Amino acid sequence: MSKLHKQTTKLIARIAENLPEMDSDIIQRWIDNPKRLQKFLRKLCMPEKEIPLNTIDLGAPPRLPFDGVEVAQHVGKGIVEIELRSDDNLYIGGKKVLLYLSELQIGNKKIEGHKLRQELEESKREVLLNANVSDYLYHHPELFPEHWKKDKIGETLYIFFWGSIFVSPMHDFLYVPVLFWRDGGLCRDTRFLEDGWHRQDPSASVA
């Protein structure tokens, strides 16, 4: 007799010893439905791997924000967990999400969108989050950090997700997705890259 067969025999005997008291009708139902019994035992003995409650497929094609645009750039790959922790910070794949400001956004300064895009792409310190993250947050506003809603002086923050950029082929205009909190809920929009970015317009990234 093989070792595995001996173990199986011992397991069956141990299960029989520890079965709770059941009436004959219940016992007969298990006897008459072996497939159901097998499914029950399989689930009991080999539980499925737990899937995190909130996950995002970063590489999935992004939702187009409005008619007439196409995807010009979409950076990101893999399925990652997203969570809001007790420190009021968002974490993607276990990494803390940071709100990046260019030096040209600090104070009363502003930077044109095309220049900011170039600065972000040249920086190797930041991994930019994409539209799949912004859309997931839009549908799960309970994950949106409280300190992302307004700055220290009470002005609304506009959080940009530069990992996805959309283009209008007709005019060759570029747009980047943005989230902001207004009237008790999350709003989503896009901004034209010819516009200016101020101190209220940080970029969501992970180091």
N, C-alpha and C. Protein backbone atom coordinates (compact mmCIF):
# COMPACT_ATOMS: atom_id res chain seq x y z
N MET A 1 0.85 -1.21 0.00
CA MET A 1 0.00 0.00 0.00
C MET A 1 0.88 1.25 0.00
N SER A 2 0.62 2.18 -0.89
CA SER A 2 1.44 3.37 -0.99
C SER A 2 1.20 4.29 0.20
N LYS A 3 2.16 5.19 0.42
CA LYS A 3 2.07 6.14 1.52
C LYS A 3 0.84 7.04 1.37
N LEU A 4 0.58 7.49 0.10
CA LEU A 4 -0.56 8.37 -0.15
C LEU A 4 -1.87 7.64 0.16
N HIS A 5 -1.96 6.36 -0.24
CA HIS A 5 -3.17 5.59 0.02
C HIS A 5 -3.39 5.41 1.53
N LYS A 6 -2.31 5.18 2.25
CA LYS A 6 -2.41 5.04 3.70
C LYS A 6 -2.91 6.34 4.34
N GLN A 7 -2.37 7.48 3.85
CA GLN A 7 -2.79 8.77 4.38
C GLN A 7 -4.27 9.03 4.10
N THR A 8 -4.69 8.70 2.87
CA THR A 8 -6.10 8.89 2.50
C THR A 8 -7.00 8.06 3.39
N THR A 9 -6.62 6.81 3.63
CA THR A 9 -7.41 5.93 4.48
C THR A 9 -7.52 6.48 5.90
N LYS A 10 -6.40 6.99 6.40
CA LYS A 10 -6.40 7.57 7.75
C LYS A 10 -7.26 8.82 7.82
N LEU A 11 -7.21 9.63 6.74
CA LEU A 11 -8.01 10.86 6.70
C LEU A 11 -9.51 10.52 6.71
N ILE A 12 -9.91 9.55 5.90
CA ILE A 12 -11.32 9.15 5.87
C ILE A 12 -11.77 8.67 7.25
N ALA A 13 -10.90 7.86 7.90
CA ALA A 13 -11.24 7.37 9.23
C ALA A 13 -11.37 8.51 10.23
N ARG A 14 -10.46 9.51 10.12
CA ARG A 14 -10.50 10.64 11.04
C ARG A 14 -11.76 11.49 10.81
N ILE A 15 -12.14 11.66 9.54
CA ILE A 15 -13.36 12.41 9.24
C ILE A 15 -14.58 11.69 9.83
N ALA A 16 -14.60 10.36 9.66
CA ALA A 16 -15.72 9.57 10.18
C ALA A 16 -15.82 9.70 11.70
N GLU A 17 -14.67 9.76 12.36
CA GLU A 17 -14.65 9.88 13.83
C GLU A 17 -15.19 11.22 14.30
N ASN A 18 -15.02 12.23 13.47
CA ASN A 18 -15.34 13.59 13.91
C ASN A 18 -16.57 14.20 13.25
N LEU A 19 -17.30 13.37 12.51
CA LEU A 19 -18.53 13.87 11.90
C LEU A 19 -19.54 14.26 12.98
N PRO A 20 -20.19 15.40 12.82
CA PRO A 20 -21.24 15.77 13.77
C PRO A 20 -22.45 14.85 13.60
N GLU A 21 -23.28 14.81 14.60
CA GLU A 21 -24.49 13.98 14.51
C GLU A 21 -25.43 14.55 13.45
N MET A 22 -25.90 13.70 12.56
CA MET A 22 -26.82 14.09 11.50
C MET A 22 -27.96 13.09 11.45
N ASP A 23 -29.15 13.59 11.08
CA ASP A 23 -30.26 12.64 10.94
C ASP A 23 -30.11 11.87 9.63
N SER A 24 -30.85 10.80 9.51
CA SER A 24 -30.69 9.90 8.36
C SER A 24 -31.04 10.56 7.03
N ASP A 25 -31.95 11.54 7.04
CA ASP A 25 -32.32 12.21 5.79
C ASP A 25 -31.15 13.01 5.21
N ILE A 26 -30.44 13.72 6.09
CA ILE A 26 -29.29 14.50 5.63
C ILE A 26 -28.20 13.57 5.11
N ILE A 27 -27.96 12.49 5.83
CA ILE A 27 -26.94 11.53 5.39
C ILE A 27 -27.29 10.96 4.02
N GLN A 28 -28.56 10.63 3.83
CA GLN A 28 -28.99 10.05 2.56
C GLN A 28 -28.86 11.03 1.42
N ARG A 29 -29.12 12.32 1.70
CA ARG A 29 -28.98 13.34 0.63
C ARG A 29 -27.54 13.43 0.15
N TRP A 30 -26.58 13.34 1.07
CA TRP A 30 -25.17 13.34 0.68
C TRP A 30 -24.84 12.08 -0.13
N ILE A 31 -25.40 10.95 0.28
CA ILE A 31 -25.15 9.69 -0.43
C ILE A 31 -25.71 9.76 -1.85
N ASP A 32 -26.88 10.35 -1.99
CA ASP A 32 -27.55 10.40 -3.29
C ASP A 32 -26.99 11.46 -4.22
N ASN A 33 -26.17 12.38 -3.70
CA ASN A 33 -25.64 13.47 -4.53
C ASN A 33 -24.12 13.55 -4.37
N PRO A 34 -23.40 12.58 -4.91
CA PRO A 34 -21.94 12.55 -4.73
C PRO A 34 -21.22 13.74 -5.36
N LYS A 35 -21.75 14.28 -6.46
CA LYS A 35 -21.09 15.43 -7.09
C LYS A 35 -21.14 16.65 -6.17
N ARG A 36 -22.28 16.84 -5.52
CA ARG A 36 -22.40 17.95 -4.57
C ARG A 36 -21.46 17.75 -3.39
N LEU A 37 -21.35 16.50 -2.94
CA LEU A 37 -20.43 16.19 -1.85
C LEU A 37 -18.98 16.46 -2.25
N GLN A 38 -18.64 16.05 -3.48
CA GLN A 38 -17.28 16.29 -3.97
C GLN A 38 -16.97 17.77 -4.04
N LYS A 39 -17.93 18.57 -4.54
CA LYS A 39 -17.75 20.01 -4.64
C LYS A 39 -17.56 20.63 -3.27
N PHE A 40 -18.36 20.16 -2.31
CA PHE A 40 -18.24 20.67 -0.93
C PHE A 40 -16.88 20.35 -0.33
N LEU A 41 -16.43 19.11 -0.51
CA LEU A 41 -15.14 18.70 0.04
C LEU A 41 -13.97 19.40 -0.64
N ARG A 42 -14.10 19.60 -1.96
CA ARG A 42 -13.03 20.29 -2.69
C ARG A 42 -12.88 21.72 -2.18
N LYS A 43 -14.01 22.41 -2.00
CA LYS A 43 -13.98 23.78 -1.50
C LYS A 43 -13.44 23.83 -0.08
N LEU A 44 -13.77 22.82 0.70
CA LEU A 44 -13.33 22.77 2.09
C LEU A 44 -11.84 22.50 2.21
N CYS A 45 -11.36 21.57 1.37
CA CYS A 45 -9.96 21.13 1.48
C CYS A 45 -8.99 21.94 0.63
N MET A 46 -9.49 22.52 -0.48
CA MET A 46 -8.63 23.29 -1.37
C MET A 46 -9.28 24.63 -1.69
N PRO A 47 -9.33 25.54 -0.70
CA PRO A 47 -9.97 26.83 -0.94
C PRO A 47 -9.28 27.61 -2.05
N GLU A 48 -10.07 28.33 -2.83
CA GLU A 48 -9.51 29.14 -3.90
C GLU A 48 -8.68 30.28 -3.33
N LYS A 49 -7.69 30.68 -4.10
CA LYS A 49 -6.84 31.79 -3.67
C LYS A 49 -7.68 33.05 -3.53
N GLU A 50 -7.51 33.69 -2.40
CA GLU A 50 -8.30 34.89 -2.14
C GLU A 50 -7.90 36.02 -3.08
N ILE A 51 -8.88 36.65 -3.71
CA ILE A 51 -8.64 37.76 -4.62
C ILE A 51 -8.84 39.07 -3.86
N PRO A 52 -7.88 39.99 -3.91
CA PRO A 52 -8.06 41.26 -3.21
C PRO A 52 -9.36 41.95 -3.61
N LEU A 53 -9.93 42.65 -2.67
CA LEU A 53 -11.23 43.26 -2.89
C LEU A 53 -11.21 44.26 -4.03
N ASN A 54 -10.18 45.11 -4.09
CA ASN A 54 -10.11 46.15 -5.11
C ASN A 54 -8.86 45.95 -5.97
N THR A 55 -9.06 45.57 -7.22
CA THR A 55 -7.94 45.39 -8.14
C THR A 55 -8.21 46.12 -9.45
N ILE A 56 -7.13 46.52 -10.10
CA ILE A 56 -7.20 47.24 -11.37
C ILE A 56 -6.27 46.57 -12.37
N ASP A 57 -6.75 46.40 -13.59
CA ASP A 57 -5.91 45.94 -14.69
C ASP A 57 -5.35 47.18 -15.37
N LEU A 58 -4.12 47.52 -15.03
CA LEU A 58 -3.51 48.75 -15.55
C LEU A 58 -3.34 48.71 -17.06
N GLY A 59 -3.16 47.52 -17.62
CA GLY A 59 -2.89 47.41 -19.05
C GLY A 59 -4.13 47.29 -19.93
N ALA A 60 -5.31 47.22 -19.31
CA ALA A 60 -6.54 47.11 -20.10
C ALA A 60 -6.76 48.39 -20.90
N PRO A 61 -7.38 48.29 -22.08
CA PRO A 61 -7.66 49.50 -22.87
C PRO A 61 -8.50 50.48 -22.05
N PRO A 62 -8.12 51.74 -22.01
CA PRO A 62 -8.86 52.71 -21.20
C PRO A 62 -10.18 53.12 -21.84
N ARG A 63 -11.09 53.56 -21.02
CA ARG A 63 -12.35 54.13 -21.51
C ARG A 63 -12.05 55.45 -22.22
N LEU A 64 -12.65 55.67 -23.37
CA LEU A 64 -12.48 56.95 -24.07
C LEU A 64 -13.36 58.00 -23.38
N PRO A 65 -12.79 59.14 -23.03
CA PRO A 65 -13.54 60.12 -22.24
C PRO A 65 -14.68 60.80 -22.99
N PHE A 66 -14.57 60.89 -24.30
CA PHE A 66 -15.67 61.47 -25.09
C PHE A 66 -15.51 61.02 -26.54
N ASP A 67 -16.56 61.19 -27.31
CA ASP A 67 -16.56 60.78 -28.72
C ASP A 67 -15.53 61.57 -29.52
N GLY A 68 -14.92 60.89 -30.47
CA GLY A 68 -14.00 61.56 -31.38
C GLY A 68 -12.56 61.57 -30.93
N VAL A 69 -12.24 60.92 -29.81
CA VAL A 69 -10.84 60.86 -29.38
C VAL A 69 -10.32 59.44 -29.46
N GLU A 70 -9.00 59.32 -29.52
CA GLU A 70 -8.33 58.03 -29.54
C GLU A 70 -7.26 58.02 -28.45
N VAL A 71 -6.73 56.86 -28.16
CA VAL A 71 -5.66 56.74 -27.18
C VAL A 71 -4.34 57.12 -27.84
N ALA A 72 -3.68 58.14 -27.31
CA ALA A 72 -2.37 58.55 -27.82
C ALA A 72 -1.26 57.88 -27.02
N GLN A 73 -1.52 57.64 -25.74
CA GLN A 73 -0.52 57.02 -24.86
C GLN A 73 -1.25 56.34 -23.70
N HIS A 74 -0.80 55.15 -23.36
CA HIS A 74 -1.37 54.45 -22.21
C HIS A 74 -0.27 53.63 -21.57
N VAL A 75 0.21 54.06 -20.42
CA VAL A 75 1.33 53.43 -19.74
C VAL A 75 0.82 52.66 -18.53
N GLY A 76 1.23 51.41 -18.41
CA GLY A 76 0.85 50.60 -17.26
C GLY A 76 0.59 49.17 -17.68
N LYS A 77 0.89 48.23 -16.80
CA LYS A 77 0.63 46.82 -17.10
C LYS A 77 0.45 46.06 -15.80
N GLY A 78 -0.27 44.95 -15.90
CA GLY A 78 -0.46 44.07 -14.76
C GLY A 78 -1.71 44.42 -13.95
N ILE A 79 -2.14 43.44 -13.16
CA ILE A 79 -3.27 43.63 -12.26
C ILE A 79 -2.72 43.93 -10.86
N VAL A 80 -3.14 45.04 -10.30
CA VAL A 80 -2.63 45.47 -9.01
C VAL A 80 -3.77 45.76 -8.04
N GLU A 81 -3.46 45.67 -6.78
CA GLU A 81 -4.44 45.99 -5.74
C GLU A 81 -4.39 47.48 -5.45
N ILE A 82 -5.55 48.06 -5.20
CA ILE A 82 -5.63 49.47 -4.81
C ILE A 82 -6.34 49.54 -3.47
N GLU A 83 -5.80 50.32 -2.54
CA GLU A 83 -6.40 50.41 -1.21
C GLU A 83 -6.15 51.78 -0.60
N LEU A 84 -7.12 52.22 0.18
CA LEU A 84 -6.99 53.43 0.98
C LEU A 84 -6.69 52.98 2.40
N ARG A 85 -5.52 53.33 2.91
CA ARG A 85 -5.13 52.89 4.25
C ARG A 85 -5.53 53.91 5.31
N SER A 86 -5.32 53.53 6.55
CA SER A 86 -5.76 54.37 7.67
C SER A 86 -5.01 55.69 7.76
N ASP A 87 -3.87 55.80 7.06
CA ASP A 87 -3.13 57.07 7.06
C ASP A 87 -3.67 58.04 6.02
N ASP A 88 -4.83 57.72 5.41
CA ASP A 88 -5.47 58.55 4.38
C ASP A 88 -4.61 58.68 3.13
N ASN A 89 -3.84 57.65 2.85
CA ASN A 89 -3.06 57.61 1.62
C ASN A 89 -3.50 56.43 0.77
N LEU A 90 -3.48 56.64 -0.54
CA LEU A 90 -3.83 55.61 -1.48
C LEU A 90 -2.59 54.80 -1.82
N TYR A 91 -2.76 53.48 -1.94
CA TYR A 91 -1.65 52.60 -2.28
C TYR A 91 -2.04 51.77 -3.50
N ILE A 92 -1.12 51.71 -4.46
CA ILE A 92 -1.30 50.92 -5.67
C ILE A 92 -0.22 49.86 -5.71
N GLY A 93 -0.62 48.60 -5.73
CA GLY A 93 0.37 47.53 -5.72
C GLY A 93 1.30 47.61 -4.54
N GLY A 94 0.79 48.10 -3.41
CA GLY A 94 1.59 48.22 -2.19
C GLY A 94 2.44 49.47 -2.11
N LYS A 95 2.41 50.31 -3.15
CA LYS A 95 3.21 51.53 -3.16
C LYS A 95 2.33 52.76 -2.94
N LYS A 96 2.84 53.67 -2.15
CA LYS A 96 2.09 54.89 -1.83
C LYS A 96 1.99 55.81 -3.04
N VAL A 97 0.79 56.30 -3.28
CA VAL A 97 0.57 57.25 -4.38
C VAL A 97 0.93 58.65 -3.90
N LEU A 98 1.73 59.33 -4.70
CA LEU A 98 2.18 60.69 -4.38
C LEU A 98 1.55 61.69 -5.33
N LEU A 99 1.39 62.90 -4.85
CA LEU A 99 0.89 63.98 -5.70
C LEU A 99 2.07 64.87 -6.06
N TYR A 100 2.45 64.82 -7.32
CA TYR A 100 3.65 65.52 -7.78
C TYR A 100 3.31 66.92 -8.28
N LEU A 101 4.13 67.88 -7.87
CA LEU A 101 4.06 69.25 -8.39
C LEU A 101 5.41 69.64 -8.97
N SER A 102 5.40 70.18 -10.15
CA SER A 102 6.61 70.76 -10.73
C SER A 102 6.97 72.02 -9.95
N GLU A 103 8.24 72.36 -9.96
CA GLU A 103 8.66 73.63 -9.35
C GLU A 103 7.97 74.81 -10.02
N LEU A 104 7.58 74.63 -11.28
CA LEU A 104 6.91 75.70 -12.01
C LEU A 104 5.41 75.77 -11.72
N GLN A 105 4.95 74.93 -10.76
CA GLN A 105 3.55 74.99 -10.32
C GLN A 105 3.42 75.59 -8.91
N ILE A 106 4.52 75.74 -8.24
CA ILE A 106 4.50 76.17 -6.85
C ILE A 106 4.22 77.67 -6.75
N GLY A 107 3.48 78.04 -5.71
CA GLY A 107 3.12 79.45 -5.52
C GLY A 107 2.10 79.88 -6.55
N ASN A 108 2.36 81.00 -7.17
CA ASN A 108 1.43 81.52 -8.18
C ASN A 108 1.90 81.22 -9.60
N LYS A 109 2.90 80.36 -9.72
CA LYS A 109 3.42 80.03 -11.05
C LYS A 109 2.53 79.00 -11.74
N LYS A 110 2.68 78.91 -13.05
CA LYS A 110 1.98 77.88 -13.81
C LYS A 110 2.87 77.39 -14.94
N ILE A 111 2.56 76.19 -15.41
CA ILE A 111 3.32 75.58 -16.48
C ILE A 111 2.36 75.05 -17.53
N GLU A 112 2.72 75.23 -18.78
CA GLU A 112 1.86 74.73 -19.86
C GLU A 112 1.86 73.21 -19.87
N GLY A 113 0.74 72.61 -20.24
CA GLY A 113 0.59 71.17 -20.20
C GLY A 113 1.64 70.40 -20.98
N HIS A 114 1.99 70.86 -22.17
CA HIS A 114 2.99 70.16 -22.98
C HIS A 114 4.36 70.15 -22.28
N LYS A 115 4.71 71.26 -21.64
CA LYS A 115 5.98 71.32 -20.93
C LYS A 115 5.97 70.43 -19.69
N LEU A 116 4.82 70.39 -19.00
CA LEU A 116 4.72 69.53 -17.83
C LEU A 116 4.80 68.06 -18.25
N ARG A 117 4.17 67.71 -19.35
CA ARG A 117 4.24 66.34 -19.84
C ARG A 117 5.69 65.95 -20.12
N GLN A 118 6.42 66.83 -20.76
CA GLN A 118 7.83 66.54 -21.06
C GLN A 118 8.63 66.37 -19.77
N GLU A 119 8.38 67.22 -18.80
CA GLU A 119 9.09 67.13 -17.52
C GLU A 119 8.79 65.80 -16.83
N LEU A 120 7.53 65.39 -16.85
CA LEU A 120 7.14 64.13 -16.20
C LEU A 120 7.75 62.94 -16.91
N GLU A 121 7.80 62.96 -18.22
CA GLU A 121 8.34 61.84 -18.98
C GLU A 121 9.85 61.74 -18.83
N GLU A 122 10.51 62.88 -18.63
CA GLU A 122 11.96 62.87 -18.47
C GLU A 122 12.38 62.47 -17.07
N SER A 123 11.47 62.62 -16.10
CA SER A 123 11.77 62.24 -14.72
C SER A 123 11.65 60.73 -14.58
N LYS A 124 12.71 60.09 -14.09
CA LYS A 124 12.70 58.64 -13.90
C LYS A 124 12.23 58.27 -12.48
N ARG A 125 11.93 59.28 -11.68
CA ARG A 125 11.54 59.03 -10.29
C ARG A 125 10.05 58.72 -10.17
N GLU A 126 9.29 59.14 -11.14
CA GLU A 126 7.84 59.01 -11.02
C GLU A 126 7.28 58.00 -12.02
N VAL A 127 6.38 57.13 -11.55
CA VAL A 127 5.61 56.25 -12.42
C VAL A 127 4.19 56.81 -12.44
N LEU A 128 3.76 57.28 -13.59
CA LEU A 128 2.50 57.99 -13.69
C LEU A 128 1.33 57.01 -13.72
N LEU A 129 0.28 57.34 -13.00
CA LEU A 129 -0.91 56.51 -12.99
C LEU A 129 -1.79 56.85 -14.19
N ASN A 130 -2.53 55.85 -14.68
CA ASN A 130 -3.28 56.05 -15.91
C ASN A 130 -4.79 56.17 -15.69
N ALA A 131 -5.51 56.26 -16.80
CA ALA A 131 -6.96 56.50 -16.75
C ALA A 131 -7.72 55.34 -16.12
N ASN A 132 -7.17 54.13 -16.15
CA ASN A 132 -7.85 53.01 -15.51
C ASN A 132 -7.95 53.23 -14.00
N VAL A 133 -6.92 53.86 -13.45
CA VAL A 133 -6.95 54.18 -12.01
C VAL A 133 -7.98 55.28 -11.74
N SER A 134 -7.97 56.32 -12.55
CA SER A 134 -8.92 57.42 -12.32
C SER A 134 -10.36 56.94 -12.48
N ASP A 135 -10.62 56.09 -13.46
CA ASP A 135 -11.98 55.57 -13.65
C ASP A 135 -12.40 54.66 -12.49
N TYR A 136 -11.45 53.87 -11.99
CA TYR A 136 -11.78 52.99 -10.86
C TYR A 136 -12.12 53.83 -9.62
N LEU A 137 -11.34 54.86 -9.38
CA LEU A 137 -11.62 55.74 -8.24
C LEU A 137 -12.97 56.45 -8.42
N TYR A 138 -13.27 56.84 -9.64
CA TYR A 138 -14.55 57.51 -9.90
C TYR A 138 -15.71 56.61 -9.50
N HIS A 139 -15.59 55.33 -9.77
CA HIS A 139 -16.66 54.39 -9.43
C HIS A 139 -16.58 53.88 -7.99
N HIS A 140 -15.47 54.20 -7.32
CA HIS A 140 -15.29 53.81 -5.91
C HIS A 140 -14.81 55.03 -5.11
N PRO A 141 -15.66 56.03 -4.98
CA PRO A 141 -15.24 57.28 -4.31
C PRO A 141 -14.82 57.10 -2.86
N GLU A 142 -15.19 55.96 -2.25
CA GLU A 142 -14.78 55.70 -0.87
C GLU A 142 -13.27 55.51 -0.77
N LEU A 143 -12.60 55.28 -1.91
CA LEU A 143 -11.14 55.12 -1.92
C LEU A 143 -10.41 56.44 -2.13
N PHE A 144 -11.13 57.49 -2.42
CA PHE A 144 -10.50 58.79 -2.72
C PHE A 144 -10.06 59.43 -1.40
N PRO A 145 -8.75 59.68 -1.22
CA PRO A 145 -8.26 60.23 0.05
C PRO A 145 -8.88 61.60 0.38
N GLU A 146 -9.11 61.82 1.63
CA GLU A 146 -9.71 63.07 2.07
C GLU A 146 -8.82 64.26 1.72
N HIS A 147 -7.50 64.10 1.86
CA HIS A 147 -6.61 65.23 1.62
C HIS A 147 -6.39 65.51 0.13
N TRP A 148 -7.01 64.69 -0.74
CA TRP A 148 -6.98 64.97 -2.18
C TRP A 148 -8.12 65.90 -2.60
N LYS A 149 -9.04 66.17 -1.69
CA LYS A 149 -10.22 66.94 -2.07
C LYS A 149 -9.94 68.44 -2.12
N LYS A 150 -9.22 68.94 -1.13
CA LYS A 150 -8.89 70.37 -1.08
C LYS A 150 -7.48 70.54 -0.56
N ASP A 151 -6.86 71.68 -0.92
CA ASP A 151 -5.52 71.96 -0.39
C ASP A 151 -5.64 72.61 0.98
N LYS A 152 -4.51 73.04 1.52
CA LYS A 152 -4.49 73.57 2.89
C LYS A 152 -5.25 74.87 3.05
N ILE A 153 -5.49 75.58 1.93
CA ILE A 153 -6.24 76.83 2.03
C ILE A 153 -7.68 76.67 1.52
N GLY A 154 -8.09 75.43 1.35
CA GLY A 154 -9.49 75.15 1.01
C GLY A 154 -9.83 75.20 -0.46
N GLU A 155 -8.84 75.24 -1.34
CA GLU A 155 -9.11 75.26 -2.77
C GLU A 155 -9.19 73.83 -3.31
N THR A 156 -10.10 73.61 -4.24
CA THR A 156 -10.29 72.28 -4.84
C THR A 156 -9.03 71.82 -5.56
N LEU A 157 -8.65 70.56 -5.33
CA LEU A 157 -7.52 69.97 -6.04
C LEU A 157 -8.02 69.20 -7.26
N TYR A 158 -7.25 69.30 -8.33
CA TYR A 158 -7.54 68.59 -9.57
C TYR A 158 -6.40 67.59 -9.79
N ILE A 159 -6.73 66.30 -9.66
CA ILE A 159 -5.71 65.25 -9.69
C ILE A 159 -5.62 64.68 -11.10
N PHE A 160 -4.43 64.78 -11.69
CA PHE A 160 -4.25 64.38 -13.09
C PHE A 160 -3.56 63.02 -13.19
N PHE A 161 -3.96 62.26 -14.22
CA PHE A 161 -3.48 60.90 -14.43
C PHE A 161 -2.81 60.83 -15.80
N TRP A 162 -1.52 61.20 -15.80
CA TRP A 162 -0.77 61.38 -17.03
C TRP A 162 -0.35 60.08 -17.70
N GLY A 163 -0.62 58.93 -17.08
CA GLY A 163 -0.27 57.67 -17.71
C GLY A 163 -1.10 57.39 -18.95
N SER A 164 -2.22 58.11 -19.10
CA SER A 164 -3.05 58.01 -20.30
C SER A 164 -3.23 59.40 -20.90
N ILE A 165 -3.03 59.49 -22.20
CA ILE A 165 -3.25 60.74 -22.91
C ILE A 165 -4.09 60.41 -24.15
N PHE A 166 -5.06 61.26 -24.41
CA PHE A 166 -5.97 61.04 -25.53
C PHE A 166 -5.77 62.14 -26.57
N VAL A 167 -6.08 61.80 -27.83
CA VAL A 167 -5.88 62.74 -28.92
C VAL A 167 -7.15 62.84 -29.75
N SER A 168 -7.43 64.05 -30.18
CA SER A 168 -8.51 64.28 -31.14
C SER A 168 -7.87 64.37 -32.52
N PRO A 169 -7.98 63.32 -33.34
CA PRO A 169 -7.29 63.31 -34.64
C PRO A 169 -7.70 64.46 -35.55
N MET A 170 -8.92 64.91 -35.42
CA MET A 170 -9.39 65.98 -36.30
C MET A 170 -8.60 67.27 -36.09
N HIS A 171 -8.26 67.55 -34.80
CA HIS A 171 -7.55 68.80 -34.52
C HIS A 171 -6.14 68.59 -33.98
N ASP A 172 -5.79 67.30 -33.74
CA ASP A 172 -4.49 66.96 -33.17
C ASP A 172 -4.33 67.54 -31.76
N PHE A 173 -5.43 67.70 -31.04
CA PHE A 173 -5.39 68.19 -29.66
C PHE A 173 -5.17 67.02 -28.71
N LEU A 174 -4.41 67.25 -27.65
CA LEU A 174 -4.15 66.22 -26.63
C LEU A 174 -4.88 66.56 -25.34
N TYR A 175 -5.34 65.51 -24.64
CA TYR A 175 -6.10 65.68 -23.40
C TYR A 175 -5.61 64.67 -22.37
N VAL A 176 -5.65 65.08 -21.10
CA VAL A 176 -5.25 64.22 -20.00
C VAL A 176 -6.41 64.12 -19.01
N PRO A 177 -6.70 62.92 -18.47
CA PRO A 177 -7.83 62.77 -17.54
C PRO A 177 -7.55 63.38 -16.17
N VAL A 178 -8.63 63.81 -15.52
CA VAL A 178 -8.52 64.48 -14.22
C VAL A 178 -9.71 64.09 -13.34
N LEU A 179 -9.47 63.98 -12.05
CA LEU A 179 -10.51 63.77 -11.05
C LEU A 179 -10.51 64.93 -10.06
N PHE A 180 -11.71 65.29 -9.59
CA PHE A 180 -11.79 66.31 -8.54
C PHE A 180 -13.09 66.11 -7.77
N TRP A 181 -13.09 66.60 -6.53
CA TRP A 181 -14.23 66.43 -5.63
C TRP A 181 -15.05 67.71 -5.61
N ARG A 182 -16.35 67.56 -5.90
CA ARG A 182 -17.21 68.74 -5.92
C ARG A 182 -18.64 68.35 -5.52
N ASP A 183 -19.26 69.19 -4.68
CA ASP A 183 -20.65 68.98 -4.27
C ASP A 183 -20.89 67.59 -3.70
N GLY A 184 -19.93 67.13 -2.89
CA GLY A 184 -20.11 65.86 -2.20
C GLY A 184 -19.83 64.62 -3.00
N GLY A 185 -19.23 64.75 -4.18
CA GLY A 185 -18.94 63.57 -4.99
C GLY A 185 -17.80 63.79 -5.94
N LEU A 186 -17.33 62.70 -6.53
CA LEU A 186 -16.22 62.77 -7.48
C LEU A 186 -16.72 63.14 -8.87
N CYS A 187 -15.93 63.97 -9.52
CA CYS A 187 -16.19 64.35 -10.92
C CYS A 187 -14.97 63.96 -11.75
N ARG A 188 -15.21 63.65 -13.01
CA ARG A 188 -14.10 63.35 -13.90
C ARG A 188 -14.23 64.18 -15.16
N ASP A 189 -13.07 64.51 -15.72
CA ASP A 189 -13.05 65.37 -16.90
C ASP A 189 -11.71 65.16 -17.59
N THR A 190 -11.43 65.95 -18.60
CA THR A 190 -10.11 65.98 -19.23
C THR A 190 -9.69 67.44 -19.35
N ARG A 191 -8.38 67.63 -19.53
CA ARG A 191 -7.89 68.99 -19.76
C ARG A 191 -7.02 68.99 -21.00
N PHE A 192 -7.20 70.04 -21.75
CA PHE A 192 -6.48 70.33 -22.98
C PHE A 192 -5.04 70.71 -22.64
N LEU A 193 -4.03 70.11 -23.30
CA LEU A 193 -2.64 70.33 -22.91
C LEU A 193 -2.14 71.74 -23.19
N GLU A 194 -2.89 72.53 -23.97
CA GLU A 194 -2.50 73.91 -24.17
C GLU A 194 -2.79 74.78 -22.94
N ASP A 195 -3.58 74.24 -22.01
CA ASP A 195 -3.92 74.99 -20.79
C ASP A 195 -2.73 75.04 -19.84
N GLY A 196 -2.90 75.83 -18.78
CA GLY A 196 -1.86 75.94 -17.76
C GLY A 196 -2.18 75.09 -16.54
N TRP A 197 -1.13 74.58 -15.88
CA TRP A 197 -1.25 73.79 -14.65
C TRP A 197 -0.71 74.60 -13.48
N HIS A 198 -1.54 74.75 -12.43
CA HIS A 198 -1.18 75.55 -11.27
C HIS A 198 -0.92 74.65 -10.06
N ARG A 199 -0.81 75.27 -8.88
CA ARG A 199 -0.52 74.51 -7.67
C ARG A 199 -1.68 73.58 -7.27
N GLN A 200 -2.88 73.83 -7.76
CA GLN A 200 -4.01 72.97 -7.42
C GLN A 200 -4.12 71.77 -8.36
N ASP A 201 -3.12 71.57 -9.25
CA ASP A 201 -3.22 70.57 -10.30
C ASP A 201 -2.09 69.52 -10.22
N PRO A 202 -2.03 68.76 -9.14
CA PRO A 202 -0.93 67.77 -9.01
C PRO A 202 -1.14 66.56 -9.91
N SER A 203 -0.06 65.82 -10.10
CA SER A 203 -0.06 64.61 -10.93
C SER A 203 0.06 63.39 -10.02
N ALA A 204 -0.81 62.40 -10.21
CA ALA A 204 -0.80 61.19 -9.40
C ALA A 204 0.30 60.24 -9.91
N SER A 205 1.16 59.81 -8.99
CA SER A 205 2.27 58.96 -9.38
C SER A 205 2.71 58.11 -8.19
N VAL A 206 3.51 57.09 -8.48
CA VAL A 206 4.17 56.32 -7.43
C VAL A 206 5.67 56.37 -7.69
N ALA A 207 6.42 56.39 -6.61
CA ALA A 207 7.88 56.50 -6.75
C ALA A 207 8.47 55.17 -7.20
